């Protein structure tokens, strides 16, 4: 017959198990928040200009915590450097975009931001990577980013299975151009006049 375990040890193990359950429950709840719409001041800058400039930085090596092209870029350092070049103020860290309302990924286009989870265990379930979309709706999604992966620097990457698993959301920075909307409104009038 085995000796009975002391009640103190049994209670400690039970308490530890309860603590583990609570921490997992807390981890699931911490990501529930109301998304907010944000209007970024982009001035006269166009998404094409922004992407063209971002592409001039391809090949600059990866460096954690840096937004200096002479030293290298981490993902958010690269994105921040590109937008700051045009005096467009965005958050420095990818995790700061968590409360910002996203758009449907199928509508992603030039200049949109794309967020992914991180690859390290401490940020695997929250935003830990960011890039800039360089494709248009209807085209295969491609983004430019600074990665610590095999490319080890600023590179263009097509949305693949690995990134699809990590995808969080896409954020529109540049507002829809009012001129394009006005032109769309005038087309029916022109058709009506032709009848």
Protein backbone atom coordinates (compact mmCIF):
# COMPACT_ATOMS: atom_id res chain seq x y z
CA UNK A 1 0.00 0.00 0.00
CA UNK A 2 1.38 3.41 -1.06
CA UNK A 3 1.72 6.05 1.61
CA UNK A 4 -0.86 8.83 1.24
CA UNK A 5 0.45 12.11 -0.18
CA UNK A 6 0.52 14.94 2.29
CA UNK A 7 -2.53 17.19 1.90
CA UNK A 8 -0.25 20.24 1.45
CA UNK A 9 1.41 18.79 -1.68
CA UNK A 10 -1.93 17.78 -3.12
CA UNK A 11 -3.36 21.27 -2.52
CA UNK A 12 -0.25 22.91 -4.07
CA UNK A 13 -0.55 20.82 -7.26
CA UNK A 14 -4.27 21.58 -7.50
CA UNK A 15 -3.54 25.30 -7.06
CA UNK A 16 -0.84 25.18 -9.76
CA UNK A 17 -3.26 23.52 -12.18
CA UNK A 18 -5.86 26.20 -11.49
CA UNK A 19 -3.29 28.94 -12.05
CA UNK A 20 -2.36 27.44 -15.45
CA UNK A 21 -5.98 27.37 -16.55
CA UNK A 22 -6.45 30.98 -15.47
CA UNK A 23 -3.37 32.17 -17.36
CA UNK A 24 -4.56 30.46 -20.56
CA UNK A 25 -7.99 32.01 -20.12
CA UNK A 26 -6.36 35.43 -19.63
CA UNK A 27 -4.26 34.99 -22.77
CA UNK A 28 -7.39 34.39 -24.85
CA UNK A 29 -9.21 37.40 -23.42
CA UNK A 30 -6.45 40.01 -23.73
CA UNK A 31 -6.89 40.31 -27.51
CA UNK A 32 -10.55 41.32 -27.40
CA UNK A 33 -10.84 45.03 -28.10
CA UNK A 34 -12.99 47.39 -30.12
CA UNK A 35 -11.34 48.30 -33.41
CA UNK A 36 -11.14 52.01 -34.24
CA UNK A 37 -10.90 53.79 -37.58
CA UNK A 38 -7.84 55.98 -37.97
CA UNK A 39 -7.30 58.68 -40.59
CA UNK A 40 -3.64 59.16 -41.41
CA UNK A 41 -2.46 62.48 -42.84
CA UNK A 42 -0.73 61.51 -46.09
CA UNK A 43 -0.59 64.98 -47.65
CA UNK A 44 0.18 64.97 -51.37
CA UNK A 45 2.05 61.67 -51.25
CA UNK A 46 0.66 58.90 -53.43
CA UNK A 47 0.84 55.17 -52.67
CA UNK A 48 2.90 54.74 -55.89
CA UNK A 49 5.55 57.19 -54.64
CA UNK A 50 5.69 55.46 -51.27
CA UNK A 51 6.12 51.99 -52.79
CA UNK A 52 8.70 53.24 -55.29
CA UNK A 53 10.77 54.68 -52.44
CA UNK A 54 10.37 51.52 -50.33
CA UNK A 55 11.72 49.45 -53.23
CA UNK A 56 14.92 51.54 -53.35
CA UNK A 57 15.74 50.13 -49.89
CA UNK A 58 15.73 46.46 -50.97
CA UNK A 59 18.79 44.59 -49.79
CA UNK A 60 19.42 46.66 -46.64
CA UNK A 61 20.17 44.12 -43.94
CA UNK A 62 17.96 43.22 -40.99
CA UNK A 63 18.82 44.73 -37.64
CA UNK A 64 16.60 44.36 -34.60
CA UNK A 65 15.31 47.64 -33.13
CA UNK A 66 16.76 49.83 -35.88
CA UNK A 67 15.15 52.31 -38.24
CA UNK A 68 18.49 53.55 -39.59
CA UNK A 69 19.31 52.42 -43.15
CA UNK A 70 23.05 52.62 -42.42
CA UNK A 71 22.72 50.07 -39.62
CA UNK A 72 19.77 48.05 -40.96
CA UNK A 73 16.06 47.78 -40.29
CA UNK A 74 13.75 45.61 -38.28
CA UNK A 75 10.27 45.21 -39.82
CA UNK A 76 8.58 48.14 -38.11
CA UNK A 77 11.75 50.25 -38.36
CA UNK A 78 11.69 49.80 -42.14
CA UNK A 79 7.98 50.63 -42.47
CA UNK A 80 8.34 53.63 -40.16
CA UNK A 81 11.37 54.92 -42.08
CA UNK A 82 9.49 54.74 -45.39
CA UNK A 83 6.44 56.60 -44.08
CA UNK A 84 8.52 59.14 -42.13
CA UNK A 85 10.42 59.95 -45.35
CA UNK A 86 7.11 61.40 -46.60
CA UNK A 87 6.24 63.00 -43.24
CA UNK A 88 3.44 60.50 -42.67
CA UNK A 89 3.11 59.68 -38.98
CA UNK A 90 2.30 56.07 -38.12
CA UNK A 91 2.96 54.01 -34.95
CA UNK A 92 6.56 52.79 -34.52
CA UNK A 93 5.66 49.26 -33.44
CA UNK A 94 3.56 46.68 -35.30
CA UNK A 95 1.75 45.86 -32.05
CA UNK A 96 0.50 49.49 -31.84
CA UNK A 97 -1.76 48.78 -34.82
CA UNK A 98 -3.76 46.20 -32.83
CA UNK A 99 -6.79 48.46 -32.22
CA UNK A 100 -6.82 49.89 -35.77
CA UNK A 101 -9.67 48.69 -37.98
CA UNK A 102 -8.58 46.55 -40.90
CA UNK A 103 -9.88 46.10 -44.43
CA UNK A 104 -10.65 42.93 -46.39
CA UNK A 105 -7.40 41.37 -47.62
CA UNK A 106 -8.87 40.93 -51.12
CA UNK A 107 -9.03 44.76 -51.35
CA UNK A 108 -5.36 45.22 -50.38
CA UNK A 109 -3.45 47.58 -52.65
CA UNK A 110 -0.31 49.72 -53.01
CA UNK A 111 0.66 51.40 -49.74
CA UNK A 112 -1.57 49.37 -47.40
CA UNK A 113 0.03 47.89 -44.30
CA UNK A 114 -0.13 44.15 -43.68
CA UNK A 115 0.26 42.67 -40.19
CA UNK A 116 1.31 39.20 -39.10
CA UNK A 117 1.94 37.44 -35.83
CA UNK A 118 5.52 37.19 -34.68
CA UNK A 119 7.54 33.99 -34.86
CA UNK A 120 8.94 34.07 -31.33
CA UNK A 121 7.04 32.34 -28.56
CA UNK A 122 6.45 35.56 -26.59
CA UNK A 123 4.58 37.27 -29.44
CA UNK A 124 3.26 34.34 -31.46
CA UNK A 125 -0.38 35.34 -30.93
CA UNK A 126 -0.10 39.12 -31.37
CA UNK A 127 1.18 41.45 -34.08
CA UNK A 128 4.91 40.98 -34.38
CA UNK A 129 5.63 41.60 -38.07
CA UNK A 130 4.59 44.26 -40.60
CA UNK A 131 5.06 45.03 -44.27
CA UNK A 132 3.80 47.29 -47.07
CA UNK A 133 1.56 45.90 -49.81
CA UNK A 134 3.03 46.43 -53.30
CA UNK A 135 0.35 44.70 -55.39
CA UNK A 136 -3.11 45.74 -56.56
CA UNK A 137 -6.50 44.07 -55.94
CA UNK A 138 -6.91 41.05 -58.20
CA UNK A 139 -3.15 40.44 -58.40
CA UNK A 140 -1.34 37.88 -56.22
CA UNK A 141 -0.63 39.69 -52.94
CA UNK A 142 3.01 40.81 -52.58
CA UNK A 143 4.48 42.90 -49.79
CA UNK A 144 7.84 44.50 -49.04
CA UNK A 145 9.27 44.12 -45.54
CA UNK A 146 12.45 43.66 -43.54
CA UNK A 147 12.81 40.10 -42.37
CA UNK A 148 15.23 38.24 -40.13
CA UNK A 149 14.50 35.08 -42.16
CA UNK A 150 16.61 33.62 -44.95
CA UNK A 151 16.64 36.90 -46.90
CA UNK A 152 17.91 38.73 -43.76
CA UNK A 153 16.89 42.20 -44.88
CA UNK A 154 14.48 44.25 -46.96
CA UNK A 155 12.84 42.04 -49.56
CA UNK A 156 9.61 41.48 -51.49
CA UNK A 157 7.58 38.41 -50.56
CA UNK A 158 4.50 36.88 -52.14
CA UNK A 159 1.77 35.85 -49.70
CA UNK A 160 2.51 32.17 -49.14
CA UNK A 161 1.16 29.50 -46.81
CA UNK A 162 3.57 30.44 -44.03
CA UNK A 163 2.45 34.06 -44.02
CA UNK A 164 -1.22 33.14 -44.51
CA UNK A 165 -1.06 31.19 -41.23
CA UNK A 166 0.40 34.25 -39.49
CA UNK A 167 -1.82 36.88 -41.15
CA UNK A 168 -3.73 39.24 -38.82
CA UNK A 169 -5.07 42.12 -40.91
CA UNK A 170 -4.53 44.72 -43.61
CA UNK A 171 -4.72 48.44 -42.81
CA UNK A 172 -5.55 51.22 -45.28
CA UNK A 173 -3.33 54.28 -44.77
CA UNK A 174 -4.11 56.26 -47.93
CA UNK A 175 -7.69 57.49 -48.25
CA UNK A 176 -9.65 56.77 -51.41
CA UNK A 177 -9.09 59.60 -53.88
CA UNK A 178 -12.20 61.80 -54.12
CA UNK A 179 -11.46 62.48 -57.83
CA UNK A 180 -11.73 58.78 -58.66
CA UNK A 181 -15.08 58.64 -56.89
CA UNK A 182 -16.34 61.75 -58.73
CA UNK A 183 -15.30 60.25 -62.09
CA UNK A 184 -17.26 57.10 -61.27
CA UNK A 185 -20.30 59.28 -60.54
CA UNK A 186 -20.05 61.09 -63.90
CA UNK A 187 -19.95 57.90 -65.99
CA UNK A 188 -23.68 57.10 -65.57
CA UNK A 189 -24.52 60.75 -66.51
CA UNK A 190 -22.49 60.45 -69.71
CA UNK A 191 -24.20 57.18 -70.58
CA UNK A 192 -27.60 58.76 -69.84
CA UNK A 193 -26.76 61.73 -72.12
CA UNK A 194 -25.78 59.38 -74.95
CA UNK A 195 -29.23 57.72 -74.91
